[in-house]
C-alpha atoms as a PDB file:
ATOM      1  CA  MET A   1     -19.452 158.232  66.719  1.00  0.00           C
ATOM      2  CA  SER A   2     -18.621 155.654  68.976  1.00  0.00           C
ATOM      3  CA  LEU A   3     -14.814 155.665  71.014  1.00  0.00           C
ATOM      4  CA  GLY A   4     -13.788 153.036  68.421  1.00  0.00           C
ATOM      5  CA  SER A   5     -14.807 154.976  65.241  1.00  0.00           C
ATOM      6  CA  VAL A   6     -13.005 158.422  66.803  1.00  0.00           C
ATOM      7  CA  GLU A   7      -9.734 156.424  67.509  1.00  0.00           C
ATOM      8  CA  LEU A   8     -10.209 154.857  63.671  1.00  0.00           C
ATOM      9  CA  CYS A   9     -10.669 158.424  62.119  1.00  0.00           C
ATOM     10  CA  GLN A  10      -7.576 160.038  64.339  1.00  0.00           C
ATOM     11  CA  LEU A  11      -5.224 156.990  63.528  1.00  0.00           C
ATOM     12  CA  LEU A  12      -6.121 157.263  59.706  1.00  0.00           C
ATOM     13  CA  ASP A  13      -6.654 161.351  59.621  1.00  0.00           C
ATOM     14  CA  ILE A  14      -9.856 160.776  58.496  1.00  0.00           C
ATOM     15  CA  LYS A  15     -13.265 162.937  59.036  1.00  0.00           C
ATOM     16  CA  LEU A  16     -15.590 159.737  58.546  1.00  0.00           C
ATOM     17  CA  PRO A  17     -15.045 155.987  59.556  1.00  0.00           C
ATOM     18  CA  ILE A  18     -15.885 154.692  56.092  1.00  0.00           C
ATOM     19  CA  LEU A  19     -12.999 153.048  53.704  1.00  0.00           C
ATOM     20  CA  GLN A  20     -13.208 152.700  49.724  1.00  0.00           C
ATOM     21  CA  GLY A  21     -12.658 149.240  49.025  1.00  0.00           C
ATOM     22  CA  GLY A  22      -9.524 148.876  46.757  1.00  0.00           C
ATOM     23  CA  MET A  23     -11.303 146.993  43.994  1.00  0.00           C
ATOM     24  CA  ALA A  24      -8.595 145.940  41.216  1.00  0.00           C
ATOM     25  CA  TRP A  25      -9.019 147.301  37.941  1.00  0.00           C
ATOM     26  CA  SER A  26     -11.800 149.572  39.331  1.00  0.00           C
ATOM     27  CA  SER A  27     -10.318 151.865  42.180  1.00  0.00           C
ATOM     28  CA  ASP A  28      -8.095 154.414  40.522  1.00  0.00           C
ATOM     29  CA  ALA A  29      -7.230 157.997  41.432  1.00  0.00           C
ATOM     30  CA  PHE A  30     -10.135 159.676  40.410  1.00  0.00           C
ATOM     31  CA  LEU A  31     -12.716 157.372  42.763  1.00  0.00           C
ATOM     32  CA  ALA A  32     -10.359 157.348  45.798  1.00  0.00           C
ATOM     33  CA  SER A  33      -9.862 161.414  45.402  1.00  0.00           C
ATOM     34  CA  ALA A  34     -13.534 161.618  45.152  1.00  0.00           C
ATOM     35  CA  VAL A  35     -14.004 159.328  48.730  1.00  0.00           C
ATOM     36  CA  SER A  36     -11.335 161.234  50.294  1.00  0.00           C
ATOM     37  CA  ASN A  37     -12.551 164.408  49.649  1.00  0.00           C
ATOM     38  CA  THR A  38     -15.940 163.788  51.115  1.00  0.00           C
ATOM     39  CA  GLY A  39     -14.221 162.580  54.382  1.00  0.00           C
ATOM     40  CA  GLY A  40     -13.575 158.850  53.651  1.00  0.00           C
ATOM     41  CA  LEU A  41     -10.204 156.924  52.941  1.00  0.00           C
ATOM     42  CA  GLY A  42     -10.441 156.730  49.068  1.00  0.00           C
ATOM     43  CA  ILE A  43      -8.173 153.951  48.245  1.00  0.00           C
ATOM     44  CA  ILE A  44      -6.203 153.100  44.513  1.00  0.00           C
ATOM     45  CA  GLY A  45      -6.667 149.324  43.737  1.00  0.00           C
ATOM     46  CA  CYS A  46      -3.311 148.071  42.375  1.00  0.00           C
ATOM     47  CA  GLY A  47      -3.948 144.228  41.666  1.00  0.00           C
ATOM     48  CA  GLY A  48      -2.919 143.643  38.250  1.00  0.00           C
ATOM     49  CA  ARG A  49      -1.151 146.608  37.658  1.00  0.00           C
ATOM     50  CA  ASP A  50       2.420 147.465  36.597  1.00  0.00           C
ATOM     51  CA  PHE A  51       4.598 149.854  38.485  1.00  0.00           C
ATOM     52  CA  ASN A  52       4.510 152.658  36.119  1.00  0.00           C
ATOM     53  CA  TRP A  53       0.549 152.882  36.143  1.00  0.00           C
ATOM     54  CA  ILE A  54       0.758 153.076  40.501  1.00  0.00           C
ATOM     55  CA  LYS A  55       3.269 155.715  39.620  1.00  0.00           C
ATOM     56  CA  SER A  56       0.761 157.733  37.116  1.00  0.00           C
ATOM     57  CA  GLN A  57      -1.771 157.378  39.827  1.00  0.00           C
ATOM     58  CA  LEU A  58       0.281 158.673  42.405  1.00  0.00           C
ATOM     59  CA  LYS A  59       0.910 161.787  40.276  1.00  0.00           C
ATOM     60  CA  ILE A  60      -3.088 162.203  39.553  1.00  0.00           C
ATOM     61  CA  VAL A  61      -4.243 161.581  42.966  1.00  0.00           C
ATOM     62  CA  LYS A  62      -1.595 164.478  44.353  1.00  0.00           C
ATOM     63  CA  THR A  63      -3.461 166.733  41.954  1.00  0.00           C
ATOM     64  CA  GLN A  64      -7.034 165.691  42.825  1.00  0.00           C
ATOM     65  CA  THR A  65      -6.967 165.990  46.846  1.00  0.00           C
ATOM     66  CA  SER A  66      -5.150 166.854  49.452  1.00  0.00           C
ATOM     67  CA  SER A  67      -6.541 164.562  51.984  1.00  0.00           C
ATOM     68  CA  PRO A  68      -5.116 161.205  52.923  1.00  0.00           C
ATOM     69  CA  PHE A  69      -5.984 158.158  50.713  1.00  0.00           C
ATOM     70  CA  ALA A  70      -4.530 154.341  50.443  1.00  0.00           C
ATOM     71  CA  LEU A  71      -3.009 151.910  48.263  1.00  0.00           C
ATOM     72  CA  ASN A  72      -4.359 148.735  48.076  1.00  0.00           C
ATOM     73  CA  PHE A  73      -2.262 145.441  47.376  1.00  0.00           C
ATOM     74  CA  PRO A  74      -3.846 141.954  46.938  1.00  0.00           C
ATOM     75  CA  LEU A  75      -0.607 140.218  47.373  1.00  0.00           C
ATOM     76  CA  GLU A  76      -2.146 136.494  45.929  1.00  0.00           C
ATOM     77  CA  GLY A  77      -0.593 136.132  42.529  1.00  0.00           C
ATOM     78  CA  VAL A  78       1.348 139.718  42.767  1.00  0.00           C
ATOM     79  CA  ASP A  79       5.388 139.985  42.735  1.00  0.00           C
ATOM     80  CA  ASP A  80       6.702 140.478  46.419  1.00  0.00           C
ATOM     81  CA  ALA A  81       9.210 142.714  44.498  1.00  0.00           C
ATOM     82  CA  LEU A  82       6.424 144.680  42.616  1.00  0.00           C
ATOM     83  CA  VAL A  83       4.982 145.518  45.777  1.00  0.00           C
ATOM     84  CA  GLU A  84       8.017 146.446  47.948  1.00  0.00           C
ATOM     85  CA  LEU A  85       8.926 148.701  45.112  1.00  0.00           C
ATOM     86  CA  ALA A  86       5.743 150.274  44.932  1.00  0.00           C
ATOM     87  CA  LEU A  87       5.398 150.777  48.820  1.00  0.00           C
ATOM     88  CA  THR A  88       8.749 152.249  48.624  1.00  0.00           C
ATOM     89  CA  GLU A  89       7.839 154.698  46.088  1.00  0.00           C
ATOM     90  CA  ALA A  90       4.199 155.689  47.567  1.00  0.00           C
ATOM     91  CA  ILE A  91       5.865 156.360  51.415  1.00  0.00           C
ATOM     92  CA  LYS A  92       8.748 158.722  48.954  1.00  0.00           C
ATOM     93  CA  ASN A  93       5.850 160.549  47.932  1.00  0.00           C
ATOM     94  CA  GLY A  94       3.848 160.790  51.615  1.00  0.00           C
ATOM     95  CA  VAL A  95       1.504 158.014  51.135  1.00  0.00           C
ATOM     96  CA  ARG A  96       1.236 156.501  54.720  1.00  0.00           C
ATOM     97  CA  LEU A  97      -1.967 154.227  54.544  1.00  0.00           C
ATOM     98  CA  PHE A  98      -1.993 150.459  52.821  1.00  0.00           C
ATOM     99  CA  THR A  99      -4.702 147.972  52.915  1.00  0.00           C
ATOM    100  CA  ILE A 100      -2.979 144.374  51.935  1.00  0.00           C
ATOM    101  CA  SER A 101      -5.237 140.958  51.260  1.00  0.00           C
ATOM    102  CA  GLY A 102      -4.971 137.504  49.847  1.00  0.00           C
ATOM    103  CA  SER A 103      -1.908 136.316  51.670  1.00  0.00           C
ATOM    104  CA  GLN A 104      -0.569 135.990  55.140  1.00  0.00           C
ATOM    105  CA  ARG A 105       2.919 137.848  53.861  1.00  0.00           C
ATOM    106  CA  TYR A 106       1.855 140.805  54.948  1.00  0.00           C
ATOM    107  CA  THR A 107       4.060 140.534  58.094  1.00  0.00           C
ATOM    108  CA  THR A 108       6.768 140.730  56.497  1.00  0.00           C
ATOM    109  CA  LEU A 109       5.429 144.066  55.192  1.00  0.00           C
ATOM    110  CA  LEU A 110       4.632 144.916  58.570  1.00  0.00           C
ATOM    111  CA  ASN A 111       8.067 144.237  59.510  1.00  0.00           C
ATOM    112  CA  LYS A 112       9.844 146.238  56.972  1.00  0.00           C
ATOM    113  CA  TYR A 113       7.301 149.389  56.336  1.00  0.00           C
ATOM    114  CA  GLY A 114       5.279 149.222  59.950  1.00  0.00           C
ATOM    115  CA  LYS A 115       7.472 152.069  61.524  1.00  0.00           C
ATOM    116  CA  GLN A 116       7.159 154.252  58.265  1.00  0.00           C
ATOM    117  CA  ALA A 117       3.484 153.326  57.111  1.00  0.00           C
ATOM    118  CA  ILE A 118       0.241 151.938  58.625  1.00  0.00           C
ATOM    119  CA  ILE A 119      -0.373 148.500  57.028  1.00  0.00           C
ATOM    120  CA  ILE A 120      -4.033 147.258  57.284  1.00  0.00           C
ATOM    121  CA  PRO A 121      -4.250 143.685  56.604  1.00  0.00           C
ATOM    122  CA  LEU A 122      -7.590 142.147  55.656  1.00  0.00           C
ATOM    123  CA  VAL A 123      -8.271 138.999  58.191  1.00  0.00           C
ATOM    124  CA  GLY A 124     -11.324 136.499  57.515  1.00  0.00           C
ATOM    125  CA  THR A 125     -10.827 134.456  60.983  1.00  0.00           C
ATOM    126  CA  VAL A 126     -10.730 135.242  64.445  1.00  0.00           C
ATOM    127  CA  MET A 127      -6.601 133.319  64.060  1.00  0.00           C
ATOM    128  CA  GLN A 128      -6.311 135.535  61.290  1.00  0.00           C
ATOM    129  CA  ALA A 129      -7.201 138.753  63.089  1.00  0.00           C
ATOM    130  CA  LYS A 130      -4.747 137.768  65.992  1.00  0.00           C
ATOM    131  CA  LEU A 131      -1.980 136.968  63.776  1.00  0.00           C
ATOM    132  CA  ALA A 132      -2.216 140.373  62.433  1.00  0.00           C
ATOM    133  CA  GLU A 133      -2.032 142.128  65.760  1.00  0.00           C
ATOM    134  CA  ARG A 134       0.842 140.129  67.172  1.00  0.00           C
ATOM    135  CA  SER A 135       2.723 140.904  63.831  1.00  0.00           C
ATOM    136  CA  GLY A 136       2.222 144.644  64.920  1.00  0.00           C
ATOM    137  CA  ALA A 137      -1.039 145.806  62.601  1.00  0.00           C
ATOM    138  CA  LYS A 138      -2.558 149.004  64.053  1.00  0.00           C
ATOM    139  CA  VAL A 139      -5.588 147.997  62.478  1.00  0.00           C
ATOM    140  CA  ILE A 140      -7.350 145.388  60.698  1.00  0.00           C
ATOM    141  CA  ILE A 141      -9.946 144.844  58.241  1.00  0.00           C
ATOM    142  CA  CYS A 142     -12.618 142.224  58.993  1.00  0.00           C
ATOM    143  CA  GLU A 143     -14.323 140.639  55.808  1.00  0.00           C
ATOM    144  CA  GLY A 144     -17.127 138.097  55.533  1.00  0.00           C
ATOM    145  CA  GLN A 145     -18.454 135.943  52.584  1.00  0.00           C
ATOM    146  CA  GLU A 146     -21.005 138.377  51.636  1.00  0.00           C
ATOM    147  CA  ALA A 147     -18.286 140.567  49.970  1.00  0.00           C
ATOM    148  CA  GLY A 148     -17.575 141.219  46.115  1.00  0.00           C
ATOM    149  CA  GLY A 149     -14.356 140.416  44.814  1.00  0.00           C
ATOM    150  CA  SER A 150     -12.302 138.004  46.649  1.00  0.00           C
ATOM    151  CA  ILE A 151     -14.206 136.676  49.721  1.00  0.00           C
ATOM    152  CA  GLY A 152     -14.178 134.629  53.016  1.00  0.00           C
ATOM    153  CA  ARG A 153     -15.785 131.676  54.283  1.00  0.00           C
ATOM    154  CA  LEU A 154     -17.427 133.125  57.082  1.00  0.00           C
ATOM    155  CA  SER A 155     -20.594 135.560  57.651  1.00  0.00           C
ATOM    156  CA  LEU A 156     -19.592 139.025  58.479  1.00  0.00           C
ATOM    157  CA  PHE A 157     -22.056 139.609  61.319  1.00  0.00           C
ATOM    158  CA  SER A 158     -21.113 136.415  63.030  1.00  0.00           C
ATOM    159  CA  LEU A 159     -17.577 136.405  62.504  1.00  0.00           C
ATOM    160  CA  LEU A 160     -17.263 140.365  63.431  1.00  0.00           C
ATOM    161  CA  PRO A 161     -18.138 140.301  67.460  1.00  0.00           C
ATOM    162  CA  GLN A 162     -15.581 137.599  67.868  1.00  0.00           C
ATOM    163  CA  VAL A 163     -12.853 139.364  66.151  1.00  0.00           C
ATOM    164  CA  VAL A 164     -13.684 142.591  68.456  1.00  0.00           C
ATOM    165  CA  ASP A 165     -13.244 140.413  71.278  1.00  0.00           C
ATOM    166  CA  ALA A 166     -10.430 138.969  70.195  1.00  0.00           C
ATOM    167  CA  VAL A 167      -8.046 141.529  69.278  1.00  0.00           C
ATOM    168  CA  THR A 168      -7.643 145.175  71.304  1.00  0.00           C
ATOM    169  CA  ILE A 169      -6.880 147.096  67.822  1.00  0.00           C
ATOM    170  CA  PRO A 170      -9.271 148.998  66.134  1.00  0.00           C
ATOM    171  CA  VAL A 171     -11.717 146.193  63.552  1.00  0.00           C
ATOM    172  CA  ILE A 172     -12.963 147.680  60.225  1.00  0.00           C
ATOM    173  CA  ALA A 173     -15.880 145.804  59.126  1.00  0.00           C
ATOM    174  CA  ALA A 174     -16.277 144.565  55.200  1.00  0.00           C
ATOM    175  CA  GLY A 175     -18.628 142.549  53.428  1.00  0.00           C
ATOM    176  CA  GLY A 176     -22.344 143.439  52.125  1.00  0.00           C
ATOM    177  CA  ILE A 177     -22.473 146.736  53.598  1.00  0.00           C
ATOM    178  CA  ALA A 178     -23.950 148.934  51.260  1.00  0.00           C
ATOM    179  CA  ASP A 179     -26.024 151.813  53.600  1.00  0.00           C
ATOM    180  CA  GLY A 180     -26.691 153.491  57.156  1.00  0.00           C
ATOM    181  CA  ARG A 181     -27.956 150.127  57.792  1.00  0.00           C
ATOM    182  CA  GLY A 182     -25.198 147.869  57.362  1.00  0.00           C
ATOM    183  CA  ILE A 183     -23.137 150.909  58.960  1.00  0.00           C
ATOM    184  CA  ASN A 184     -24.888 151.169  61.994  1.00  0.00           C
ATOM    185  CA  ALA A 185     -25.155 147.069  62.402  1.00  0.00           C
ATOM    186  CA  ALA A 186     -21.488 146.700  62.016  1.00  0.00           C
ATOM    187  CA  LEU A 187     -20.891 149.727  64.984  1.00  0.00           C
ATOM    188  CA  ALA A 188     -23.291 147.777  67.038  1.00  0.00           C
ATOM    189  CA  LEU A 189     -21.308 144.605  66.936  1.00  0.00           C
ATOM    190  CA  GLY A 190     -17.968 146.674  67.839  1.00  0.00           C
ATOM    191  CA  ALA A 191     -16.648 147.824  64.623  1.00  0.00           C
ATOM    192  CA  SER A 192     -14.705 151.149  64.424  1.00  0.00           C
ATOM    193  CA  GLY A 193     -16.249 151.497  60.635  1.00  0.00           C
ATOM    194  CA  VAL A 194     -16.410 149.731  57.723  1.00  0.00           C
ATOM    195  CA  GLN A 195     -15.191 149.186  53.958  1.00  0.00           C
ATOM    196  CA  MET A 196     -17.404 149.534  51.344  1.00  0.00           C
ATOM    197  CA  GLY A 197     -16.062 147.903  47.707  1.00  0.00           C
ATOM    198  CA  THR A 198     -19.402 147.215  45.450  1.00  0.00           C
ATOM    199  CA  ARG A 199     -21.264 150.137  47.077  1.00  0.00           C
ATOM    200  CA  PHE A 200     -18.645 152.728  45.135  1.00  0.00           C
ATOM    201  CA  LEU A 201     -19.178 150.741  41.798  1.00  0.00           C
ATOM    202  CA  ALA A 202     -22.332 152.612  40.596  1.00  0.00           C
ATOM    203  CA  SER A 203     -20.735 156.315  41.297  1.00  0.00           C
ATOM    204  CA  GLU A 204     -20.007 158.275  38.783  1.00  0.00           C
ATOM    205  CA  GLU A 205     -16.269 158.799  39.654  1.00  0.00           C
ATOM    206  CA  CYS A 206     -15.767 154.760  39.154  1.00  0.00           C
ATOM    207  CA  PRO A 207     -14.430 154.104  35.771  1.00  0.00           C
ATOM    208  CA  ILE A 208     -16.249 150.868  34.607  1.00  0.00           C
ATOM    209  CA  ALA A 209     -18.541 150.925  31.800  1.00  0.00           C
ATOM    210  CA  ASP A 210     -21.557 152.418  32.503  1.00  0.00           C
ATOM    211  CA  ASN A 211     -23.796 149.082  31.502  1.00  0.00           C
ATOM    212  CA  TYR A 212     -22.031 147.357  34.318  1.00  0.00           C
ATOM    213  CA  LYS A 213     -23.434 149.822  36.572  1.00  0.00           C
ATOM    214  CA  GLU A 214     -26.475 149.445  35.316  1.00  0.00           C
ATOM    215  CA  LYS A 215     -26.674 145.681  36.142  1.00  0.00           C
ATOM    216  CA  ILE A 216     -25.265 146.070  39.924  1.00  0.00           C
ATOM    217  CA  ILE A 217     -27.835 148.803  40.501  1.00  0.00           C
ATOM    218  CA  LYS A 218     -31.023 146.917  38.925  1.00  0.00           C
ATOM    219  CA  ALA A 219     -28.934 143.152  40.613  1.00  0.00           C
ATOM    220  CA  ARG A 220     -31.763 141.454  42.932  1.00  0.00           C
ATOM    221  CA  ASP A 221     -30.863 139.322  45.851  1.00  0.00           C
ATOM    222  CA  VAL A 222     -30.352 136.290  44.233  1.00  0.00           C
ATOM    223  CA  ASP A 223     -28.156 137.495  41.110  1.00  0.00           C
ATOM    224  CA  THR A 224     -24.628 136.876  42.201  1.00  0.00           C
ATOM    225  CA  SER A 225     -23.020 133.739  41.798  1.00  0.00           C
ATOM    226  CA  VAL A 226     -19.871 132.849  44.099  1.00  0.00           C
ATOM    227  CA  ILE A 227     -16.799 131.119  41.654  1.00  0.00           C
ATOM    228  CA  PHE A 228     -13.453 129.462  41.719  1.00  0.00           C
ATOM    229  CA  ARG A 229     -13.633 127.845  44.844  1.00  0.00           C
ATOM    230  CA  LYS A 230     -12.038 125.014  43.897  1.00  0.00           C
ATOM    231  CA  ILE A 231      -8.572 126.315  43.094  1.00  0.00           C
ATOM    232  CA  GLY A 232      -8.944 128.716  46.177  1.00  0.00           C
ATOM    233  CA  ARG A 233      -9.283 131.950  44.489  1.00  0.00           C
ATOM    234  CA  THR A 234     -13.145 132.170  45.491  1.00  0.00           C
ATOM    235  CA  ALA A 235     -14.827 135.331  43.937  1.00  0.00           C
ATOM    236  CA  ARG A 236     -18.346 136.748  43.813  1.00  0.00           C
ATOM    237  CA  VAL A 237     -19.808 137.818  40.352  1.00  0.00           C
ATOM    238  CA  LEU A 238     -22.906 139.239  39.080  1.00  0.00           C
ATOM    239  CA  LYS A 239     -24.628 135.820  37.179  1.00  0.00           C
ATOM    240  CA  ASN A 240     -23.878 135.757  33.441  1.00  0.00           C
ATOM    241  CA  LYS A 241     -24.008 133.740  30.331  1.00  0.00           C
END
């Protein structure tokens, strides 16, 4: 591993510089535990979930792993009070890692919880990366337009080296990375680690339907489509009727 990868692993207390994306409705305690147990950072996706579900997942994950794990909150369309309530409950239960996407409101969370936890913002431009570092982030996720779910506007491998050059904190690359070749490419461009989401959807531990997993495995290079650009909620989906 590179020095940057070693630094990231020490910061997050993990063995491998690989994060599992916090995919809403697809990343539960069992998937997160499986990833954490193999040395990466498993992440429970809290988007669209209520407080009771989050509390139940915290109880489950504690029975499945003793390794660090994280919670993900996509702030777009999520009530701030729910996020703060969930963060407070998670920190009370020993969780110290959180990934935040969808809004720059993470600056408020960094200011309030930054001394108790490591809050990792997702950025899609150099300007956003600089803002995150100035706001106190210790590490950021740089996401390109190749990602599944909510995506950025710029290509990861053109954006990534610019972000790495613009900040002094570790940068995690995300978007279209699915195997060792993608990981090596990201590390060569200066990333300290990677985040992979869709790659984990087809795993046995992921709770999505088996026929959806099969569609992901069989999908070709032209089988996805980007929707909802006009309303600012851009997402990548498998083409369907």
